[in-house]
């Protein structure tokens, strides 16, 4: 999970600044990149939490655990959180 990237592409920062012109310019690109990186770190942390939750469920009842269904359920849950459904 630590391999999920959290670095922010400078082109993305420029795009965010152009799409959201009301963002404070005084804070600069470094500030915006830092906020984006914080969001990516939080996303990585939440993904790890969700996977650990699955592992705990499997450990409690390994004989009844369906990995494919659990991953499909997790995919649907994440899609709802992301607003992609």
N, C-alpha and C. Protein backbone atom coordinates (compact mmCIF):
# COMPACT_ATOMS: atom_id res chain seq x y z
N UNK A 1 0.82 -1.19 0.00
CA UNK A 1 0.00 0.00 0.00
C UNK A 1 0.87 1.25 0.00
N UNK A 2 2.04 1.16 0.56
CA UNK A 2 2.94 2.31 0.59
C UNK A 2 3.38 2.71 -0.81
N UNK A 3 3.15 1.88 -1.80
CA UNK A 3 3.58 2.19 -3.15
C UNK A 3 2.57 3.07 -3.89
N UNK A 4 1.40 3.34 -3.28
CA UNK A 4 0.46 4.27 -3.90
C UNK A 4 1.08 5.65 -3.89
N UNK A 5 1.15 6.25 -5.06
CA UNK A 5 1.83 7.55 -5.20
C UNK A 5 1.08 8.65 -4.46
N UNK A 6 1.86 9.52 -3.86
CA UNK A 6 1.27 10.70 -3.22
C UNK A 6 1.93 11.98 -3.71
N UNK A 7 2.84 11.85 -4.69
CA UNK A 7 3.45 13.06 -5.24
C UNK A 7 2.46 13.73 -6.19
N UNK A 8 2.60 15.01 -6.35
CA UNK A 8 1.65 15.80 -7.13
C UNK A 8 2.34 16.35 -8.36
N UNK A 9 1.78 16.05 -9.51
CA UNK A 9 2.31 16.54 -10.78
C UNK A 9 2.11 18.05 -10.87
N UNK A 10 3.15 18.81 -11.17
CA UNK A 10 3.02 20.28 -11.29
C UNK A 10 1.96 20.70 -12.31
N UNK A 11 1.76 19.90 -13.35
CA UNK A 11 0.73 20.23 -14.34
C UNK A 11 -0.67 20.16 -13.71
N UNK A 12 -0.85 19.24 -12.77
CA UNK A 12 -2.13 19.13 -12.07
C UNK A 12 -2.37 20.37 -11.21
N UNK A 13 -1.34 20.85 -10.57
CA UNK A 13 -1.46 22.06 -9.73
C UNK A 13 -1.86 23.25 -10.61
N UNK A 14 -1.22 23.39 -11.75
CA UNK A 14 -1.56 24.48 -12.67
C UNK A 14 -3.00 24.35 -13.15
N UNK A 15 -3.43 23.13 -13.43
CA UNK A 15 -4.81 22.91 -13.88
C UNK A 15 -5.80 23.26 -12.78
N UNK A 16 -5.49 22.87 -11.54
CA UNK A 16 -6.37 23.21 -10.42
C UNK A 16 -6.47 24.73 -10.26
N UNK A 17 -5.35 25.41 -10.40
CA UNK A 17 -5.38 26.88 -10.27
C UNK A 17 -6.22 27.52 -11.37
N UNK A 18 -6.17 26.96 -12.57
CA UNK A 18 -6.97 27.54 -13.65
C UNK A 18 -8.45 27.20 -13.51
N UNK A 19 -8.77 26.02 -12.98
CA UNK A 19 -10.17 25.62 -12.83
C UNK A 19 -10.84 26.28 -11.62
N UNK A 20 -10.03 26.65 -10.64
CA UNK A 20 -10.56 27.25 -9.42
C UNK A 20 -9.85 28.59 -9.16
N UNK A 21 -10.21 29.61 -9.94
CA UNK A 21 -9.52 30.89 -9.85
C UNK A 21 -9.71 31.61 -8.51
N UNK A 22 -10.69 31.20 -7.71
CA UNK A 22 -10.91 31.85 -6.43
C UNK A 22 -9.98 31.33 -5.33
N UNK A 23 -9.20 30.29 -5.64
CA UNK A 23 -8.21 29.83 -4.66
C UNK A 23 -7.23 30.96 -4.41
N UNK A 24 -6.83 31.13 -3.16
CA UNK A 24 -5.90 32.23 -2.86
C UNK A 24 -4.57 32.09 -3.60
N UNK A 25 -4.25 33.04 -4.44
CA UNK A 25 -3.00 33.01 -5.20
C UNK A 25 -1.80 33.25 -4.29
N UNK A 26 -2.03 33.97 -3.20
CA UNK A 26 -0.93 34.30 -2.28
C UNK A 26 -0.31 33.04 -1.67
N UNK A 27 -1.11 32.00 -1.55
CA UNK A 27 -0.58 30.76 -0.96
C UNK A 27 0.37 30.04 -1.90
N UNK A 28 0.23 30.24 -3.18
CA UNK A 28 1.15 29.69 -4.16
C UNK A 28 0.94 28.23 -4.51
N UNK A 29 1.71 27.82 -5.49
CA UNK A 29 1.61 26.44 -5.99
C UNK A 29 2.06 25.42 -4.95
N UNK A 30 3.06 25.78 -4.14
CA UNK A 30 3.54 24.84 -3.12
C UNK A 30 2.44 24.51 -2.12
N UNK A 31 1.69 25.53 -1.74
CA UNK A 31 0.58 25.34 -0.81
C UNK A 31 -0.46 24.40 -1.40
N UNK A 32 -0.86 24.67 -2.65
CA UNK A 32 -1.87 23.85 -3.31
C UNK A 32 -1.37 22.42 -3.50
N UNK A 33 -0.11 22.25 -3.88
CA UNK A 33 0.46 20.91 -4.02
C UNK A 33 0.45 20.19 -2.67
N UNK A 34 0.73 20.91 -1.61
CA UNK A 34 0.70 20.31 -0.27
C UNK A 34 -0.69 19.84 0.12
N UNK A 35 -1.71 20.64 -0.22
CA UNK A 35 -3.09 20.24 0.09
C UNK A 35 -3.48 19.01 -0.73
N UNK A 36 -3.07 18.98 -2.01
CA UNK A 36 -3.36 17.82 -2.85
C UNK A 36 -2.65 16.58 -2.31
N UNK A 37 -1.42 16.74 -1.86
CA UNK A 37 -0.66 15.62 -1.30
C UNK A 37 -1.33 15.12 -0.02
N UNK A 38 -1.83 16.02 0.79
CA UNK A 38 -2.56 15.62 2.00
C UNK A 38 -3.77 14.76 1.64
N UNK A 39 -4.49 15.17 0.60
CA UNK A 39 -5.64 14.40 0.15
C UNK A 39 -5.24 13.01 -0.33
N UNK A 40 -4.14 12.93 -1.06
CA UNK A 40 -3.67 11.63 -1.54
C UNK A 40 -3.23 10.74 -0.37
N UNK A 41 -2.58 11.34 0.63
CA UNK A 41 -2.19 10.57 1.81
C UNK A 41 -3.42 10.04 2.54
N UNK A 42 -4.43 10.89 2.67
CA UNK A 42 -5.66 10.46 3.33
C UNK A 42 -6.34 9.34 2.55
N UNK A 43 -6.34 9.45 1.23
CA UNK A 43 -6.92 8.40 0.40
C UNK A 43 -6.17 7.09 0.56
N UNK A 44 -4.85 7.16 0.60
CA UNK A 44 -4.04 5.96 0.79
C UNK A 44 -4.33 5.33 2.15
N UNK A 45 -4.42 6.17 3.18
CA UNK A 45 -4.70 5.67 4.52
C UNK A 45 -6.08 4.99 4.56
N UNK A 46 -7.07 5.60 3.93
CA UNK A 46 -8.42 5.03 3.93
C UNK A 46 -8.45 3.71 3.17
N UNK A 47 -7.73 3.63 2.06
CA UNK A 47 -7.67 2.38 1.29
C UNK A 47 -7.07 1.26 2.14
N UNK A 48 -6.02 1.57 2.88
CA UNK A 48 -5.39 0.59 3.76
C UNK A 48 -6.37 0.15 4.85
N UNK A 49 -7.11 1.09 5.39
CA UNK A 49 -8.12 0.76 6.40
C UNK A 49 -9.16 -0.21 5.83
N UNK A 50 -9.65 0.07 4.63
CA UNK A 50 -10.67 -0.79 4.03
C UNK A 50 -10.13 -2.19 3.75
N UNK A 51 -8.89 -2.28 3.31
CA UNK A 51 -8.29 -3.60 3.06
C UNK A 51 -8.05 -4.35 4.36
N UNK A 52 -7.63 -3.65 5.40
CA UNK A 52 -7.47 -4.29 6.71
C UNK A 52 -8.80 -4.80 7.24
N UNK A 53 -9.86 -4.05 6.99
CA UNK A 53 -11.20 -4.46 7.39
C UNK A 53 -11.58 -5.77 6.71
N UNK A 54 -11.27 -5.88 5.43
CA UNK A 54 -11.53 -7.14 4.71
C UNK A 54 -10.72 -8.29 5.30
N UNK A 55 -9.47 -8.03 5.61
CA UNK A 55 -8.62 -9.07 6.19
C UNK A 55 -9.15 -9.54 7.53
N UNK A 56 -9.66 -8.64 8.33
CA UNK A 56 -10.24 -9.03 9.62
C UNK A 56 -11.47 -9.90 9.43
N UNK A 57 -12.30 -9.55 8.46
CA UNK A 57 -13.49 -10.37 8.18
C UNK A 57 -13.09 -11.76 7.72
N UNK A 58 -12.06 -11.85 6.89
CA UNK A 58 -11.58 -13.15 6.41
C UNK A 58 -11.03 -13.97 7.57
N UNK A 59 -10.30 -13.31 8.47
CA UNK A 59 -9.71 -14.02 9.61
C UNK A 59 -10.77 -14.55 10.56
N UNK A 60 -11.87 -13.83 10.71
CA UNK A 60 -12.93 -14.27 11.61
C UNK A 60 -13.69 -15.49 11.08
N UNK A 61 -13.85 -15.54 9.76
CA UNK A 61 -14.64 -16.63 9.17
C UNK A 61 -14.05 -17.02 7.82
N UNK A 62 -12.88 -17.66 7.83
CA UNK A 62 -12.21 -17.98 6.56
C UNK A 62 -12.99 -18.94 5.67
N UNK A 63 -13.74 -19.86 6.27
CA UNK A 63 -14.46 -20.83 5.46
C UNK A 63 -15.63 -20.23 4.69
N UNK A 64 -16.16 -19.12 5.16
CA UNK A 64 -17.29 -18.50 4.47
C UNK A 64 -16.92 -17.23 3.75
N UNK A 65 -15.64 -16.95 3.65
CA UNK A 65 -15.19 -15.70 3.05
C UNK A 65 -15.04 -15.84 1.55
N UNK A 66 -15.72 -14.99 0.81
CA UNK A 66 -15.65 -14.99 -0.65
C UNK A 66 -14.86 -13.75 -1.07
N UNK A 67 -13.59 -13.95 -1.42
CA UNK A 67 -12.71 -12.82 -1.76
C UNK A 67 -13.24 -12.03 -2.95
N UNK A 68 -13.67 -12.73 -4.00
CA UNK A 68 -14.15 -12.01 -5.19
C UNK A 68 -15.36 -11.15 -4.87
N UNK A 69 -16.31 -11.68 -4.10
CA UNK A 69 -17.49 -10.90 -3.75
C UNK A 69 -17.12 -9.76 -2.82
N UNK A 70 -16.21 -10.01 -1.89
CA UNK A 70 -15.78 -8.96 -0.97
C UNK A 70 -15.10 -7.82 -1.71
N UNK A 71 -14.27 -8.15 -2.68
CA UNK A 71 -13.61 -7.10 -3.47
C UNK A 71 -14.61 -6.36 -4.34
N UNK A 72 -15.59 -7.06 -4.89
CA UNK A 72 -16.64 -6.40 -5.68
C UNK A 72 -17.44 -5.44 -4.80
N UNK A 73 -17.76 -5.87 -3.58
CA UNK A 73 -18.47 -5.00 -2.65
C UNK A 73 -17.63 -3.78 -2.29
N UNK A 74 -16.34 -4.01 -2.09
CA UNK A 74 -15.44 -2.91 -1.76
C UNK A 74 -15.34 -1.92 -2.93
N UNK A 75 -15.26 -2.44 -4.14
CA UNK A 75 -15.20 -1.58 -5.32
C UNK A 75 -16.45 -0.70 -5.39
N UNK A 76 -17.62 -1.29 -5.13
CA UNK A 76 -18.87 -0.53 -5.16
C UNK A 76 -18.89 0.53 -4.05
N UNK A 77 -18.40 0.17 -2.88
CA UNK A 77 -18.35 1.10 -1.76
C UNK A 77 -17.45 2.29 -2.06
N UNK A 78 -16.30 2.02 -2.64
CA UNK A 78 -15.37 3.09 -2.99
C UNK A 78 -15.95 3.97 -4.09
N UNK A 79 -16.63 3.37 -5.07
CA UNK A 79 -17.24 4.14 -6.14
C UNK A 79 -18.29 5.10 -5.58
N UNK A 80 -19.05 4.65 -4.60
CA UNK A 80 -20.05 5.52 -3.97
C UNK A 80 -19.36 6.67 -3.24
N UNK A 81 -18.27 6.36 -2.52
CA UNK A 81 -17.54 7.41 -1.82
C UNK A 81 -16.98 8.45 -2.79
N UNK A 82 -16.55 7.99 -3.95
CA UNK A 82 -15.95 8.88 -4.94
C UNK A 82 -17.01 9.58 -5.78
N UNK A 83 -18.26 9.18 -5.64
CA UNK A 83 -19.33 9.78 -6.42
C UNK A 83 -19.35 9.34 -7.87
N UNK A 84 -18.82 8.15 -8.12
CA UNK A 84 -18.73 7.63 -9.49
C UNK A 84 -19.84 6.66 -9.82
N UNK A 85 -20.91 6.69 -9.09
CA UNK A 85 -21.98 5.73 -9.38
C UNK A 85 -23.29 6.40 -9.51
